[in-house]
């Protein structure tokens, strides 16, 4: 079983991956291997996932308080 990662750790990983993808997308767009609109669409979807995790991080205490079944890490 994979070890549990905090929301902060997940956000850090997505931020790193986002930065790496930007470089890759820029290179692929320059080589005409990826269209600018598709690169932007995929970037927008990725940023939406990051915003969702940041929202969860800001509201984590309240969510855990209202949903105690989440605190134990069980199903």
C-alpha atoms as a PDB file:
ATOM      1  CA  UNK A   1       0.000   0.000   0.000  1.00  0.00           C
ATOM      2  CA  UNK A   2       1.302   3.438  -0.880  1.00  0.00           C
ATOM      3  CA  UNK A   3       2.076   5.716   2.038  1.00  0.00           C
ATOM      4  CA  UNK A   4      -0.268   8.617   2.668  1.00  0.00           C
ATOM      5  CA  UNK A   5       0.846  11.981   1.408  1.00  0.00           C
ATOM      6  CA  UNK A   6      -0.404  15.245   2.821  1.00  0.00           C
ATOM      7  CA  UNK A   7      -2.344  17.653   0.648  1.00  0.00           C
ATOM      8  CA  UNK A   8       0.637  20.015   0.863  1.00  0.00           C
ATOM      9  CA  UNK A   9       2.944  17.311  -0.497  1.00  0.00           C
ATOM     10  CA  UNK A  10       0.502  16.588  -3.305  1.00  0.00           C
ATOM     11  CA  UNK A  11       0.355  20.287  -4.169  1.00  0.00           C
ATOM     12  CA  UNK A  12       4.162  20.513  -4.213  1.00  0.00           C
ATOM     13  CA  UNK A  13       4.353  17.577  -6.609  1.00  0.00           C
ATOM     14  CA  UNK A  14       1.736  19.034  -8.922  1.00  0.00           C
ATOM     15  CA  UNK A  15       3.496  22.410  -8.908  1.00  0.00           C
ATOM     16  CA  UNK A  16       6.772  20.724  -9.875  1.00  0.00           C
ATOM     17  CA  UNK A  17       5.061  18.706 -12.582  1.00  0.00           C
ATOM     18  CA  UNK A  18       3.267  21.823 -13.853  1.00  0.00           C
ATOM     19  CA  UNK A  19       6.586  23.647 -14.218  1.00  0.00           C
ATOM     20  CA  UNK A  20       8.152  20.682 -16.041  1.00  0.00           C
ATOM     21  CA  UNK A  21       5.139  20.377 -18.339  1.00  0.00           C
ATOM     22  CA  UNK A  22       5.327  24.078 -19.212  1.00  0.00           C
ATOM     23  CA  UNK A  23       8.869  23.610 -20.490  1.00  0.00           C
ATOM     24  CA  UNK A  24       7.871  20.478 -22.409  1.00  0.00           C
ATOM     25  CA  UNK A  25       4.772  22.113 -23.878  1.00  0.00           C
ATOM     26  CA  UNK A  26       6.717  25.207 -24.927  1.00  0.00           C
ATOM     27  CA  UNK A  27       9.260  23.000 -26.701  1.00  0.00           C
ATOM     28  CA  UNK A  28       6.580  20.899 -28.393  1.00  0.00           C
ATOM     29  CA  UNK A  29       4.653  23.993 -29.509  1.00  0.00           C
ATOM     30  CA  UNK A  30       7.864  25.487 -30.932  1.00  0.00           C
ATOM     31  CA  UNK A  31       8.498  22.251 -32.871  1.00  0.00           C
ATOM     32  CA  UNK A  32       4.849  22.242 -33.991  1.00  0.00           C
ATOM     33  CA  UNK A  33       4.256  18.897 -32.287  1.00  0.00           C
ATOM     34  CA  UNK A  34       1.532  20.364 -30.088  1.00  0.00           C
ATOM     35  CA  UNK A  35      -0.943  23.089 -30.899  1.00  0.00           C
ATOM     36  CA  UNK A  36      -0.977  26.191 -28.721  1.00  0.00           C
ATOM     37  CA  UNK A  37      -4.694  25.823 -27.964  1.00  0.00           C
ATOM     38  CA  UNK A  38      -4.302  22.190 -26.865  1.00  0.00           C
ATOM     39  CA  UNK A  39      -1.306  23.095 -24.698  1.00  0.00           C
ATOM     40  CA  UNK A  40      -3.360  25.853 -23.061  1.00  0.00           C
ATOM     41  CA  UNK A  41      -6.354  23.538 -22.587  1.00  0.00           C
ATOM     42  CA  UNK A  42      -4.217  20.907 -20.873  1.00  0.00           C
ATOM     43  CA  UNK A  43      -2.518  23.572 -18.745  1.00  0.00           C
ATOM     44  CA  UNK A  44      -5.906  24.982 -17.716  1.00  0.00           C
ATOM     45  CA  UNK A  45      -7.115  21.516 -16.650  1.00  0.00           C
ATOM     46  CA  UNK A  46      -3.948  20.988 -14.624  1.00  0.00           C
ATOM     47  CA  UNK A  47      -4.309  24.387 -12.945  1.00  0.00           C
ATOM     48  CA  UNK A  48      -7.921  23.528 -12.063  1.00  0.00           C
ATOM     49  CA  UNK A  49      -6.722  20.405 -10.249  1.00  0.00           C
ATOM     50  CA  UNK A  50      -4.180  22.510  -8.343  1.00  0.00           C
ATOM     51  CA  UNK A  51      -6.865  25.041  -7.373  1.00  0.00           C
ATOM     52  CA  UNK A  52      -9.048  22.192  -6.094  1.00  0.00           C
ATOM     53  CA  UNK A  53      -6.246  20.808  -3.919  1.00  0.00           C
ATOM     54  CA  UNK A  54      -5.432  24.284  -2.597  1.00  0.00           C
ATOM     55  CA  UNK A  55      -9.110  24.757  -1.690  1.00  0.00           C
ATOM     56  CA  UNK A  56      -9.118  21.393   0.088  1.00  0.00           C
ATOM     57  CA  UNK A  57      -5.948  22.352   1.952  1.00  0.00           C
ATOM     58  CA  UNK A  58      -7.504  25.631   3.143  1.00  0.00           C
ATOM     59  CA  UNK A  59     -10.653  23.833   4.305  1.00  0.00           C
ATOM     60  CA  UNK A  60      -9.071  20.588   5.519  1.00  0.00           C
ATOM     61  CA  UNK A  61      -9.738  21.158   9.228  1.00  0.00           C
ATOM     62  CA  UNK A  62     -13.412  21.943   8.655  1.00  0.00           C
ATOM     63  CA  UNK A  63     -13.849  18.939   6.332  1.00  0.00           C
ATOM     64  CA  UNK A  64     -12.221  16.599   8.857  1.00  0.00           C
ATOM     65  CA  UNK A  65     -14.382  18.030  11.626  1.00  0.00           C
ATOM     66  CA  UNK A  66     -17.591  17.533   9.660  1.00  0.00           C
ATOM     67  CA  UNK A  67     -16.568  14.168   8.199  1.00  0.00           C
ATOM     68  CA  UNK A  68     -14.746  12.330  10.979  1.00  0.00           C
ATOM     69  CA  UNK A  69     -14.772   9.103   8.960  1.00  0.00           C
ATOM     70  CA  UNK A  70     -12.129  10.707   6.732  1.00  0.00           C
ATOM     71  CA  UNK A  71      -9.708  11.261   9.599  1.00  0.00           C
ATOM     72  CA  UNK A  72      -9.057   7.563  10.147  1.00  0.00           C
ATOM     73  CA  UNK A  73      -8.014   6.897   6.577  1.00  0.00           C
ATOM     74  CA  UNK A  74     -10.354   3.953   6.249  1.00  0.00           C
ATOM     75  CA  UNK A  75     -12.594   3.294   3.293  1.00  0.00           C
END
